[in-house]
Amino acid sequence: MQDVDMKALWNEYDRKLETALQLNRQQAYTITRMKVYSLLQSVKPVKILAVITGILWVLLVDSIIVRTWAFASPFFLVSAIVQVLLTKLAIGIYVYQLVLIHQAQLNAPVLTTQRRLAALQTATLWVPKLLFLQMPVWTTFYWNSGMLLHGNLVLWIIQGLTTLAFTLAGVWLFLHITPENRHKKWFRLLFAGKEWDGVREAMDLLSETEGA
């Protein structure tokens, strides 16, 4: 009887221990979800401000294009149109990010939240990729026919090298701003801000929870 009682007590202890461990894991998941939700909510104001600022900028540039269409330099018009189109794409991506943040719920499964965070991370990187792609047009909007016809060779060389450098830099950044490069020094310098850090920290928290 003593052996039977001891086995019963041991089994009861194992059951209680497993129940306690399961409860602790559930509490850890709940706390993690709360932290992730808090991090995502903390980056929302930055994205909302970016959308508002972007819309105001687009309205300004569009109005300038319309008002100067008849007499402005073709270089100015093309540069402004390229810049404003890329800005509109960036605004659309910001709106998509806000939708993803809105869909993040405290009671959502971890895998579902991870997928949304991965999409949010990718979308967060697409905004600077598009904005850096604008770099060349900031060196061409002031070109005009007089500059091309009457400019000297030194001016052409300086302008050409400047535009080429901005183009190469913009394309390089567009191609290399990826999650795989997030640990590199230049990437950390470019993205040392709350908007990126909040998403990254949220993903790290979920990864730690999944591996626990």
N, C-alpha and C. Protein backbone atom coordinates (compact mmCIF):
# COMPACT_ATOMS: atom_id res chain seq x y z
N MET A 1 0.82 -1.20 0.00
CA MET A 1 0.00 0.00 0.00
C MET A 1 0.87 1.26 0.00
N GLN A 2 2.00 1.20 0.71
CA GLN A 2 2.84 2.38 0.78
C GLN A 2 3.40 2.73 -0.59
N ASP A 3 3.82 1.67 -1.37
CA ASP A 3 4.33 1.94 -2.72
C ASP A 3 3.24 2.53 -3.60
N VAL A 4 2.04 1.99 -3.48
CA VAL A 4 0.93 2.51 -4.28
C VAL A 4 0.64 3.95 -3.90
N ASP A 5 0.65 4.24 -2.62
CA ASP A 5 0.39 5.61 -2.16
C ASP A 5 1.48 6.58 -2.64
N MET A 6 2.73 6.10 -2.58
CA MET A 6 3.83 6.95 -3.03
C MET A 6 3.72 7.27 -4.52
N LYS A 7 3.37 6.24 -5.33
CA LYS A 7 3.21 6.46 -6.76
C LYS A 7 2.06 7.43 -7.05
N ALA A 8 0.98 7.27 -6.27
CA ALA A 8 -0.16 8.17 -6.45
C ALA A 8 0.22 9.60 -6.10
N LEU A 9 0.95 9.75 -5.01
CA LEU A 9 1.39 11.10 -4.62
C LEU A 9 2.35 11.70 -5.66
N TRP A 10 3.23 10.83 -6.18
CA TRP A 10 4.19 11.31 -7.18
C TRP A 10 3.48 11.73 -8.47
N ASN A 11 2.51 10.92 -8.87
CA ASN A 11 1.74 11.25 -10.07
C ASN A 11 0.95 12.55 -9.87
N GLU A 12 0.40 12.72 -8.68
CA GLU A 12 -0.34 13.94 -8.37
C GLU A 12 0.58 15.15 -8.40
N TYR A 13 1.80 14.97 -7.90
CA TYR A 13 2.79 16.05 -7.93
C TYR A 13 3.16 16.41 -9.37
N ASP A 14 3.39 15.38 -10.20
CA ASP A 14 3.71 15.62 -11.61
C ASP A 14 2.58 16.38 -12.31
N ARG A 15 1.35 15.98 -12.01
CA ARG A 15 0.20 16.62 -12.64
C ARG A 15 0.12 18.09 -12.25
N LYS A 16 0.31 18.36 -10.95
CA LYS A 16 0.26 19.74 -10.48
C LYS A 16 1.40 20.57 -11.07
N LEU A 17 2.59 19.94 -11.17
CA LEU A 17 3.75 20.65 -11.74
C LEU A 17 3.51 21.00 -13.20
N GLU A 18 2.97 20.04 -13.96
CA GLU A 18 2.67 20.29 -15.37
C GLU A 18 1.63 21.38 -15.53
N THR A 19 0.63 21.36 -14.65
CA THR A 19 -0.41 22.40 -14.69
C THR A 19 0.18 23.77 -14.40
N ALA A 20 1.09 23.82 -13.41
CA ALA A 20 1.74 25.09 -13.05
C ALA A 20 2.61 25.61 -14.19
N LEU A 21 3.36 24.68 -14.84
CA LEU A 21 4.22 25.08 -15.95
C LEU A 21 3.39 25.59 -17.12
N GLN A 22 2.28 24.90 -17.39
CA GLN A 22 1.41 25.33 -18.48
C GLN A 22 0.81 26.70 -18.19
N LEU A 23 0.43 26.92 -16.93
CA LEU A 23 -0.11 28.23 -16.55
C LEU A 23 0.93 29.32 -16.70
N ASN A 24 2.18 29.01 -16.32
CA ASN A 24 3.26 29.99 -16.46
C ASN A 24 3.51 30.33 -17.92
N ARG A 25 3.46 29.29 -18.80
CA ARG A 25 3.65 29.54 -20.22
C ARG A 25 2.53 30.42 -20.78
N GLN A 26 1.31 30.15 -20.36
CA GLN A 26 0.19 30.97 -20.82
C GLN A 26 0.33 32.41 -20.35
N GLN A 27 0.78 32.57 -19.09
CA GLN A 27 0.99 33.92 -18.58
C GLN A 27 2.10 34.63 -19.34
N ALA A 28 3.16 33.88 -19.68
CA ALA A 28 4.27 34.46 -20.45
C ALA A 28 3.79 34.90 -21.82
N TYR A 29 2.96 34.06 -22.49
CA TYR A 29 2.40 34.43 -23.79
C TYR A 29 1.55 35.69 -23.67
N THR A 30 0.75 35.77 -22.60
CA THR A 30 -0.13 36.92 -22.41
C THR A 30 0.68 38.19 -22.22
N ILE A 31 1.72 38.10 -21.39
CA ILE A 31 2.57 39.26 -21.13
C ILE A 31 3.29 39.69 -22.41
N THR A 32 3.77 38.70 -23.18
CA THR A 32 4.45 39.01 -24.43
C THR A 32 3.52 39.71 -25.41
N ARG A 33 2.29 39.20 -25.53
CA ARG A 33 1.32 39.82 -26.43
C ARG A 33 1.05 41.26 -26.01
N MET A 34 0.96 41.50 -24.70
CA MET A 34 0.72 42.85 -24.21
C MET A 34 1.88 43.77 -24.56
N LYS A 35 3.12 43.27 -24.42
CA LYS A 35 4.28 44.07 -24.77
C LYS A 35 4.33 44.37 -26.25
N VAL A 36 4.04 43.33 -27.06
CA VAL A 36 4.04 43.51 -28.52
C VAL A 36 2.98 44.54 -28.92
N TYR A 37 1.79 44.41 -28.35
CA TYR A 37 0.70 45.35 -28.65
C TYR A 37 1.10 46.76 -28.27
N SER A 38 1.75 46.90 -27.10
CA SER A 38 2.18 48.22 -26.65
C SER A 38 3.23 48.81 -27.58
N LEU A 39 4.18 47.98 -28.04
CA LEU A 39 5.21 48.46 -28.95
C LEU A 39 4.60 48.93 -30.28
N LEU A 40 3.65 48.15 -30.78
CA LEU A 40 3.02 48.53 -32.04
C LEU A 40 2.21 49.81 -31.91
N GLN A 41 1.52 49.96 -30.78
CA GLN A 41 0.76 51.19 -30.57
C GLN A 41 1.68 52.40 -30.44
N SER A 42 2.89 52.18 -29.94
CA SER A 42 3.82 53.28 -29.75
C SER A 42 4.35 53.83 -31.07
N VAL A 43 4.38 52.99 -32.12
CA VAL A 43 4.88 53.48 -33.41
C VAL A 43 3.75 54.05 -34.29
N LYS A 44 2.51 53.82 -33.88
CA LYS A 44 1.38 54.30 -34.69
C LYS A 44 1.38 55.82 -34.86
N PRO A 45 1.60 56.63 -33.80
CA PRO A 45 1.58 58.09 -33.99
C PRO A 45 2.61 58.57 -35.02
N VAL A 46 3.79 57.93 -35.04
CA VAL A 46 4.83 58.32 -36.00
C VAL A 46 4.34 58.09 -37.43
N LYS A 47 3.68 56.97 -37.64
CA LYS A 47 3.19 56.63 -38.98
C LYS A 47 2.02 57.52 -39.39
N ILE A 48 1.15 57.83 -38.45
CA ILE A 48 0.04 58.74 -38.74
C ILE A 48 0.58 60.12 -39.12
N LEU A 49 1.57 60.60 -38.37
CA LEU A 49 2.18 61.89 -38.68
C LEU A 49 2.83 61.86 -40.06
N ALA A 50 3.47 60.74 -40.40
CA ALA A 50 4.11 60.61 -41.72
C ALA A 50 3.07 60.67 -42.83
N VAL A 51 1.90 60.04 -42.62
CA VAL A 51 0.84 60.07 -43.62
C VAL A 51 0.32 61.49 -43.81
N ILE A 52 0.07 62.18 -42.71
CA ILE A 52 -0.44 63.56 -42.79
C ILE A 52 0.57 64.47 -43.48
N THR A 53 1.85 64.37 -43.07
CA THR A 53 2.90 65.19 -43.68
C THR A 53 3.03 64.87 -45.16
N GLY A 54 2.98 63.58 -45.50
CA GLY A 54 3.10 63.18 -46.90
C GLY A 54 1.96 63.71 -47.75
N ILE A 55 0.75 63.65 -47.22
CA ILE A 55 -0.40 64.15 -47.97
C ILE A 55 -0.27 65.66 -48.22
N LEU A 56 0.14 66.40 -47.20
CA LEU A 56 0.32 67.85 -47.36
C LEU A 56 1.40 68.15 -48.41
N TRP A 57 2.49 67.37 -48.37
CA TRP A 57 3.57 67.58 -49.34
C TRP A 57 3.09 67.27 -50.76
N VAL A 58 2.35 66.18 -50.92
CA VAL A 58 1.84 65.79 -52.23
C VAL A 58 0.90 66.87 -52.78
N LEU A 59 0.02 67.38 -51.93
CA LEU A 59 -0.89 68.45 -52.37
C LEU A 59 -0.11 69.68 -52.83
N LEU A 60 0.95 70.00 -52.10
CA LEU A 60 1.77 71.16 -52.47
C LEU A 60 2.45 70.95 -53.81
N VAL A 61 3.11 69.80 -53.96
CA VAL A 61 3.85 69.53 -55.21
C VAL A 61 2.89 69.41 -56.39
N ASP A 62 1.77 68.73 -56.20
CA ASP A 62 0.78 68.62 -57.29
C ASP A 62 0.28 69.98 -57.73
N SER A 63 0.03 70.87 -56.77
CA SER A 63 -0.45 72.21 -57.13
C SER A 63 0.61 72.99 -57.90
N ILE A 64 1.89 72.81 -57.51
CA ILE A 64 2.97 73.49 -58.22
C ILE A 64 3.08 72.98 -59.65
N ILE A 65 2.96 71.65 -59.81
CA ILE A 65 3.04 71.05 -61.15
C ILE A 65 1.92 71.60 -62.04
N VAL A 66 0.71 71.65 -61.52
CA VAL A 66 -0.43 72.13 -62.30
C VAL A 66 -0.25 73.60 -62.69
N ARG A 67 0.19 74.41 -61.73
CA ARG A 67 0.30 75.85 -61.99
C ARG A 67 1.45 76.21 -62.93
N THR A 68 2.50 75.38 -62.94
CA THR A 68 3.67 75.70 -63.76
C THR A 68 3.77 74.84 -65.01
N TRP A 69 2.74 74.05 -65.28
CA TRP A 69 2.81 73.10 -66.38
C TRP A 69 3.08 73.78 -67.73
N ALA A 70 2.51 74.93 -67.94
CA ALA A 70 2.61 75.59 -69.26
C ALA A 70 3.98 76.21 -69.53
N PHE A 71 4.72 76.53 -68.48
CA PHE A 71 5.96 77.28 -68.71
C PHE A 71 7.19 76.70 -67.99
N ALA A 72 7.01 75.75 -67.14
CA ALA A 72 8.14 75.22 -66.38
C ALA A 72 9.06 74.38 -67.26
N SER A 73 10.32 74.25 -66.83
CA SER A 73 11.30 73.43 -67.53
C SER A 73 10.86 71.97 -67.53
N PRO A 74 11.03 71.26 -68.63
CA PRO A 74 10.70 69.83 -68.65
C PRO A 74 11.46 69.03 -67.59
N PHE A 75 12.69 69.46 -67.30
CA PHE A 75 13.47 68.79 -66.27
C PHE A 75 12.79 68.93 -64.90
N PHE A 76 12.28 70.13 -64.64
CA PHE A 76 11.58 70.36 -63.37
C PHE A 76 10.31 69.51 -63.29
N LEU A 77 9.52 69.51 -64.37
CA LEU A 77 8.26 68.79 -64.36
C LEU A 77 8.47 67.28 -64.19
N VAL A 78 9.42 66.74 -64.95
CA VAL A 78 9.69 65.30 -64.85
C VAL A 78 10.19 64.95 -63.45
N SER A 79 11.11 65.75 -62.93
CA SER A 79 11.66 65.50 -61.59
C SER A 79 10.56 65.56 -60.53
N ALA A 80 9.70 66.58 -60.62
CA ALA A 80 8.63 66.74 -59.64
C ALA A 80 7.61 65.59 -59.73
N ILE A 81 7.29 65.17 -60.96
CA ILE A 81 6.32 64.08 -61.13
C ILE A 81 6.87 62.78 -60.56
N VAL A 82 8.14 62.49 -60.84
CA VAL A 82 8.76 61.27 -60.30
C VAL A 82 8.76 61.31 -58.78
N GLN A 83 9.15 62.47 -58.23
CA GLN A 83 9.22 62.60 -56.77
C GLN A 83 7.85 62.43 -56.13
N VAL A 84 6.84 63.05 -56.68
CA VAL A 84 5.52 63.01 -56.06
C VAL A 84 4.88 61.63 -56.22
N LEU A 85 5.15 60.94 -57.33
CA LEU A 85 4.62 59.59 -57.51
C LEU A 85 5.22 58.63 -56.48
N LEU A 86 6.52 58.72 -56.27
CA LEU A 86 7.17 57.86 -55.27
C LEU A 86 6.66 58.19 -53.86
N THR A 87 6.41 59.47 -53.61
CA THR A 87 5.87 59.86 -52.31
C THR A 87 4.47 59.30 -52.10
N LYS A 88 3.66 59.31 -53.15
CA LYS A 88 2.31 58.75 -53.06
C LYS A 88 2.35 57.25 -52.76
N LEU A 89 3.30 56.55 -53.39
CA LEU A 89 3.47 55.12 -53.10
C LEU A 89 3.86 54.92 -51.64
N ALA A 90 4.75 55.77 -51.13
CA ALA A 90 5.18 55.68 -49.74
C ALA A 90 4.00 55.92 -48.79
N ILE A 91 3.15 56.88 -49.12
CA ILE A 91 1.96 57.14 -48.29
C ILE A 91 1.05 55.92 -48.27
N GLY A 92 0.86 55.31 -49.43
CA GLY A 92 0.03 54.10 -49.50
C GLY A 92 0.59 52.98 -48.64
N ILE A 93 1.91 52.84 -48.63
CA ILE A 93 2.54 51.81 -47.80
C ILE A 93 2.37 52.14 -46.32
N TYR A 94 2.46 53.42 -45.97
CA TYR A 94 2.22 53.81 -44.57
C TYR A 94 0.79 53.47 -44.15
N VAL A 95 -0.18 53.70 -45.03
CA VAL A 95 -1.57 53.35 -44.71
C VAL A 95 -1.70 51.85 -44.51
N TYR A 96 -1.04 51.06 -45.35
CA TYR A 96 -1.03 49.60 -45.21
C TYR A 96 -0.44 49.19 -43.86
N GLN A 97 0.62 49.88 -43.43
CA GLN A 97 1.22 49.58 -42.13
C GLN A 97 0.23 49.85 -40.99
N LEU A 98 -0.50 50.95 -41.10
CA LEU A 98 -1.49 51.27 -40.07
C LEU A 98 -2.59 50.21 -40.02
N VAL A 99 -2.96 49.67 -41.19
CA VAL A 99 -3.95 48.59 -41.22
C VAL A 99 -3.41 47.36 -40.50
N LEU A 100 -2.16 47.01 -40.75
CA LEU A 100 -1.54 45.86 -40.08
C LEU A 100 -1.49 46.06 -38.57
N ILE A 101 -1.15 47.26 -38.14
CA ILE A 101 -1.11 47.54 -36.70
C ILE A 101 -2.51 47.45 -36.10
N HIS A 102 -3.50 47.96 -36.82
CA HIS A 102 -4.89 47.89 -36.34
C HIS A 102 -5.36 46.44 -36.22
N GLN A 103 -4.86 45.56 -37.10
CA GLN A 103 -5.27 44.16 -37.06
C GLN A 103 -4.60 43.37 -35.95
N ALA A 104 -3.55 43.93 -35.36
CA ALA A 104 -2.86 43.23 -34.27
C ALA A 104 -3.73 43.23 -33.03
N GLN A 105 -4.12 42.04 -32.58
CA GLN A 105 -4.99 41.90 -31.43
C GLN A 105 -4.29 41.14 -30.31
N LEU A 106 -4.67 41.44 -29.08
CA LEU A 106 -4.04 40.79 -27.93
C LEU A 106 -4.29 39.28 -27.92
N ASN A 107 -5.45 38.86 -28.40
CA ASN A 107 -5.81 37.45 -28.33
C ASN A 107 -5.47 36.69 -29.61
N ALA A 108 -4.73 37.31 -30.53
CA ALA A 108 -4.39 36.65 -31.79
C ALA A 108 -3.32 35.58 -31.55
N PRO A 109 -3.36 34.47 -32.30
CA PRO A 109 -2.32 33.44 -32.18
C PRO A 109 -0.94 34.02 -32.48
N VAL A 110 0.08 33.42 -31.87
CA VAL A 110 1.44 33.93 -32.02
C VAL A 110 1.87 33.89 -33.49
N LEU A 111 1.57 32.81 -34.20
CA LEU A 111 1.98 32.69 -35.60
C LEU A 111 1.32 33.76 -36.47
N THR A 112 0.04 34.02 -36.19
CA THR A 112 -0.66 35.06 -36.94
C THR A 112 -0.01 36.43 -36.71
N THR A 113 0.31 36.71 -35.45
CA THR A 113 0.96 37.98 -35.13
C THR A 113 2.34 38.06 -35.76
N GLN A 114 3.06 36.94 -35.79
CA GLN A 114 4.38 36.94 -36.41
C GLN A 114 4.29 37.24 -37.90
N ARG A 115 3.30 36.66 -38.58
CA ARG A 115 3.14 36.93 -40.01
C ARG A 115 2.84 38.41 -40.25
N ARG A 116 1.98 38.98 -39.40
CA ARG A 116 1.66 40.40 -39.56
C ARG A 116 2.86 41.28 -39.27
N LEU A 117 3.65 40.89 -38.28
CA LEU A 117 4.85 41.67 -37.97
C LEU A 117 5.88 41.57 -39.09
N ALA A 118 5.99 40.39 -39.70
CA ALA A 118 6.92 40.23 -40.82
C ALA A 118 6.48 41.12 -41.98
N ALA A 119 5.17 41.16 -42.24
CA ALA A 119 4.65 42.04 -43.30
C ALA A 119 4.88 43.50 -42.94
N LEU A 120 4.72 43.84 -41.67
CA LEU A 120 4.93 45.21 -41.21
C LEU A 120 6.39 45.61 -41.34
N GLN A 121 7.28 44.68 -41.02
CA GLN A 121 8.71 44.96 -41.14
C GLN A 121 9.09 45.22 -42.60
N THR A 122 8.59 44.38 -43.50
CA THR A 122 8.87 44.56 -44.92
C THR A 122 8.32 45.89 -45.42
N ALA A 123 7.09 46.21 -45.03
CA ALA A 123 6.47 47.47 -45.45
C ALA A 123 7.21 48.67 -44.87
N THR A 124 7.70 48.54 -43.64
CA THR A 124 8.45 49.63 -43.01
C THR A 124 9.72 49.94 -43.79
N LEU A 125 10.35 48.91 -44.34
CA LEU A 125 11.58 49.12 -45.11
C LEU A 125 11.30 49.66 -46.51
N TRP A 126 10.12 49.37 -47.05
CA TRP A 126 9.82 49.83 -48.40
C TRP A 126 9.69 51.35 -48.47
N VAL A 127 9.28 51.99 -47.40
CA VAL A 127 9.15 53.45 -47.43
C VAL A 127 10.50 54.12 -47.66
N PRO A 128 11.53 53.85 -46.85
CA PRO A 128 12.82 54.49 -47.14
C PRO A 128 13.43 54.05 -48.47
N LYS A 129 13.15 52.80 -48.89
CA LYS A 129 13.64 52.36 -50.20
C LYS A 129 13.12 53.28 -51.31
N LEU A 130 11.84 53.59 -51.25
CA LEU A 130 11.24 54.47 -52.25
C LEU A 130 11.75 55.90 -52.12
N LEU A 131 11.91 56.36 -50.88
CA LEU A 131 12.36 57.74 -50.68
C LEU A 131 13.81 57.92 -51.13
N PHE A 132 14.65 56.92 -50.89
CA PHE A 132 16.03 57.01 -51.36
C PHE A 132 16.09 56.93 -52.88
N LEU A 133 15.11 56.28 -53.49
CA LEU A 133 15.07 56.20 -54.94
C LEU A 133 14.79 57.57 -55.57
N GLN A 134 14.32 58.51 -54.77
CA GLN A 134 14.07 59.87 -55.24
C GLN A 134 15.35 60.70 -55.37
N MET A 135 16.43 60.21 -54.81
CA MET A 135 17.65 61.03 -54.71
C MET A 135 18.09 61.68 -56.01
N PRO A 136 18.08 60.98 -57.15
CA PRO A 136 18.56 61.64 -58.39
C PRO A 136 17.75 62.87 -58.79
N VAL A 137 16.43 62.84 -58.58
CA VAL A 137 15.62 63.96 -59.07
C VAL A 137 15.87 65.24 -58.27
N TRP A 138 16.46 65.12 -57.08
CA TRP A 138 16.80 66.32 -56.33
C TRP A 138 18.02 67.02 -56.92
N THR A 139 18.68 66.36 -57.88
CA THR A 139 19.82 66.98 -58.56
C THR A 139 19.49 67.36 -60.01
N THR A 140 18.24 67.19 -60.42
CA THR A 140 17.87 67.49 -61.81
C THR A 140 16.72 68.48 -61.95
N PHE A 141 15.99 68.75 -60.85
CA PHE A 141 14.78 69.58 -60.98
C PHE A 141 15.10 71.02 -61.38
N TYR A 142 16.33 71.48 -61.14
CA TYR A 142 16.69 72.87 -61.45
C TYR A 142 17.38 73.00 -62.81
N TRP A 143 17.48 71.89 -63.54
CA TRP A 143 18.07 71.99 -64.87
C TRP A 143 17.17 72.81 -65.79
N ASN A 144 17.79 73.44 -66.78
CA ASN A 144 17.02 74.18 -67.79
C ASN A 144 17.80 74.23 -69.09
N SER A 145 17.14 74.67 -70.14
CA SER A 145 17.78 74.69 -71.45
C SER A 145 18.97 75.65 -71.50
N GLY A 146 18.85 76.77 -70.79
CA GLY A 146 19.96 77.72 -70.76
C GLY A 146 21.20 77.13 -70.13
N MET A 147 21.00 76.36 -69.08
CA MET A 147 22.12 75.72 -68.40
C MET A 147 22.83 74.74 -69.34
N LEU A 148 22.04 74.00 -70.12
CA LEU A 148 22.63 73.01 -71.03
C LEU A 148 23.30 73.67 -72.23
N LEU A 149 22.71 74.77 -72.72
CA LEU A 149 23.24 75.42 -73.92
C LEU A 149 24.45 76.30 -73.61
N HIS A 150 24.42 76.94 -72.45
CA HIS A 150 25.46 77.94 -72.17
C HIS A 150 26.37 77.57 -71.00
N GLY A 151 26.12 76.45 -70.38
CA GLY A 151 26.98 76.04 -69.27
C GLY A 151 28.34 75.61 -69.76
N ASN A 152 29.36 75.82 -68.94
CA ASN A 152 30.70 75.41 -69.35
C ASN A 152 30.96 73.95 -69.01
N LEU A 153 32.07 73.44 -69.49
CA LEU A 153 32.40 72.03 -69.33
C LEU A 153 32.54 71.64 -67.87
N VAL A 154 33.13 72.53 -67.06
CA VAL A 154 33.31 72.23 -65.64
C VAL A 154 31.95 72.05 -64.95
N LEU A 155 31.02 72.92 -65.29
CA LEU A 155 29.67 72.82 -64.71
C LEU A 155 29.02 71.50 -65.10
N TRP A 156 29.15 71.11 -66.37
CA TRP A 156 28.56 69.85 -66.82
C TRP A 156 29.17 68.66 -66.09
N ILE A 157 30.48 68.69 -65.92
CA ILE A 157 31.16 67.57 -65.25
C ILE A 157 30.71 67.47 -63.79
N ILE A 158 30.68 68.62 -63.11
CA ILE A 158 30.26 68.61 -61.70
C ILE A 158 28.83 68.12 -61.56
N GLN A 159 27.94 68.65 -62.43
CA GLN A 159 26.54 68.26 -62.37
C GLN A 159 26.36 66.79 -62.73
N GLY A 160 27.08 66.34 -63.74
CA GLY A 160 26.97 64.94 -64.16
C GLY A 160 27.44 63.99 -63.06
N LEU A 161 28.57 64.32 -62.43
CA LEU A 161 29.09 63.47 -61.36
C LEU A 161 28.16 63.47 -60.15
N THR A 162 27.58 64.64 -59.86
CA THR A 162 26.65 64.72 -58.73
C THR A 162 25.42 63.86 -58.97
N THR A 163 24.83 63.99 -60.15
CA THR A 163 23.64 63.20 -60.48
C THR A 163 23.96 61.71 -60.50
N LEU A 164 25.11 61.36 -61.07
CA LEU A 164 25.51 59.96 -61.11
C LEU A 164 25.71 59.40 -59.70
N ALA A 165 26.36 60.17 -58.83
CA ALA A 165 26.60 59.72 -57.46
C ALA A 165 25.28 59.52 -56.72
N PHE A 166 24.36 60.45 -56.86
CA PHE A 166 23.06 60.33 -56.19
C PHE A 166 22.26 59.15 -56.76
N THR A 167 22.39 58.92 -58.06
CA THR A 167 21.68 57.80 -58.68
C THR A 167 22.22 56.47 -58.17
N LEU A 168 23.53 56.34 -58.17
CA LEU A 168 24.15 55.10 -57.70
C LEU A 168 23.84 54.85 -56.22
N ALA A 169 23.89 55.92 -55.42
CA ALA A 169 23.59 55.77 -53.99
C ALA A 169 22.14 55.37 -53.78
N GLY A 170 21.23 56.01 -54.52
CA GLY A 170 19.81 55.69 -54.37
C GLY A 170 19.50 54.25 -54.77
N VAL A 171 20.06 53.81 -55.90
CA VAL A 171 19.82 52.44 -56.36
C VAL A 171 20.45 51.43 -55.40
N TRP A 172 21.66 51.73 -54.91
CA TRP A 172 22.33 50.82 -53.98
C TRP A 172 21.51 50.65 -52.70
N LEU A 173 21.04 51.77 -52.15
CA LEU A 173 20.23 51.70 -50.93
C LEU A 173 18.91 50.98 -51.19
N PHE A 174 18.30 51.23 -52.34
CA PHE A 174 17.05 50.55 -52.69
C PHE A 174 17.24 49.04 -52.71
N LEU A 175 18.37 48.59 -53.22
CA LEU A 175 18.62 47.16 -53.33
C LEU A 175 19.09 46.52 -52.03
N HIS A 176 19.74 47.30 -51.17
CA HIS A 176 20.39 46.71 -49.98
C HIS A 176 19.64 46.97 -48.68
N ILE A 177 18.60 47.78 -48.70
CA ILE A 177 17.79 47.94 -47.48
C ILE A 177 16.85 46.74 -47.38
N THR A 178 17.32 45.72 -46.70
CA THR A 178 16.58 44.47 -46.54
C THR A 178 16.72 43.99 -45.10
N PRO A 179 15.80 43.14 -44.63
CA PRO A 179 15.91 42.60 -43.26
C PRO A 179 17.22 41.86 -43.03
N GLU A 180 17.79 41.27 -44.08
CA GLU A 180 19.03 40.51 -43.93
C GLU A 180 20.21 41.41 -43.54
N ASN A 181 20.11 42.69 -43.85
CA ASN A 181 21.22 43.62 -43.56
C ASN A 181 20.99 44.42 -42.28
N ARG A 182 19.98 44.03 -41.50
CA ARG A 182 19.61 44.85 -40.34
C ARG A 182 20.68 44.89 -39.25
N HIS A 183 21.62 43.95 -39.27
CA HIS A 183 22.67 43.94 -38.24
C HIS A 183 23.91 44.73 -38.65
N LYS A 184 23.95 45.22 -39.88
CA LYS A 184 25.12 45.94 -40.35
C LYS A 184 25.12 47.37 -39.81
N LYS A 185 26.32 47.91 -39.67
CA LYS A 185 26.47 49.21 -39.02
C LYS A 185 25.74 50.31 -39.78
N TRP A 186 25.88 50.36 -41.11
CA TRP A 186 25.24 51.42 -41.90
C TRP A 186 23.72 51.35 -41.78
N PHE A 187 23.20 50.12 -41.70
CA PHE A 187 21.75 49.94 -41.56
C PHE A 187 21.29 50.48 -40.21
N ARG A 188 22.02 50.16 -39.16
CA ARG A 188 21.63 50.63 -37.82
C ARG A 188 21.71 52.15 -37.73
N LEU A 189 22.65 52.76 -38.45
CA LEU A 189 22.74 54.22 -38.44
C LEU A 189 21.54 54.85 -39.14
N LEU A 190 21.11 54.23 -40.24
CA LEU A 190 19.97 54.77 -40.99
C LEU A 190 18.65 54.57 -40.26
N PHE A 191 18.54 53.47 -39.51
CA PHE A 191 17.26 53.11 -38.91
C PHE A 191 17.32 53.12 -37.38
N ALA A 192 18.05 54.07 -36.84
CA ALA A 192 18.13 54.22 -35.39
C ALA A 192 17.00 55.11 -34.92
N GLY A 193 15.78 54.61 -35.06
CA GLY A 193 14.61 55.39 -34.67
C GLY A 193 13.52 54.53 -34.10
N LYS A 194 12.56 55.16 -33.48
CA LYS A 194 11.48 54.45 -32.79
C LYS A 194 10.63 53.63 -33.74
N GLU A 195 10.43 54.15 -34.96
CA GLU A 195 9.54 53.48 -35.91
C GLU A 195 10.05 52.08 -36.24
N TRP A 196 11.33 51.96 -36.58
CA TRP A 196 11.91 50.66 -36.91
C TRP A 196 12.16 49.83 -35.66
N ASP A 197 12.70 50.45 -34.60
CA ASP A 197 13.04 49.72 -33.38
C ASP A 197 11.81 49.06 -32.75
N GLY A 198 10.66 49.74 -32.79
CA GLY A 198 9.46 49.17 -32.20
C GLY A 198 9.04 47.87 -32.89
N VAL A 199 9.10 47.86 -34.22
CA VAL A 199 8.74 46.65 -34.97
C VAL A 199 9.75 45.54 -34.71
N ARG A 200 11.03 45.90 -34.73
CA ARG A 200 12.08 44.89 -34.51
C ARG A 200 11.98 44.28 -33.11
N GLU A 201 11.77 45.11 -32.10
CA GLU A 201 11.66 44.60 -30.73
C GLU A 201 10.44 43.70 -30.58
N ALA A 202 9.35 44.04 -31.23
CA ALA A 202 8.15 43.21 -31.17
C ALA A 202 8.41 41.84 -31.78
N MET A 203 9.12 41.81 -32.91
CA MET A 203 9.44 40.53 -33.55
C MET A 203 10.38 39.71 -32.68
N ASP A 204 11.35 40.36 -32.05
CA ASP A 204 12.28 39.65 -31.17
C ASP A 204 11.55 39.03 -29.98
N LEU A 205 10.60 39.76 -29.43
CA LEU A 205 9.82 39.24 -28.29
C LEU A 205 9.05 37.97 -28.68
N LEU A 206 8.41 38.02 -29.83
CA LEU A 206 7.64 36.84 -30.27
C LEU A 206 8.56 35.67 -30.58
N SER A 207 9.72 35.94 -31.14
CA SER A 207 10.68 34.87 -31.44
C SER A 207 11.17 34.21 -30.16
N GLU A 208 11.43 35.02 -29.13
CA GLU A 208 11.85 34.46 -27.85
C GLU A 208 10.75 33.62 -27.23
N THR A 209 9.53 34.07 -27.35
CA THR A 209 8.40 33.31 -26.80
C THR A 209 8.22 31.98 -27.51
N GLU A 210 8.37 32.00 -28.84
CA GLU A 210 8.21 30.78 -29.61
C GLU A 210 9.30 29.77 -29.27
N GLY A 211 10.52 30.28 -29.00
CA GLY A 211 11.62 29.38 -28.69
C GLY A 211 11.66 28.93 -27.25
N ALA A 212 10.83 29.57 -26.38
CA ALA A 212 10.84 29.21 -24.96
C ALA A 212 10.18 27.87 -24.73
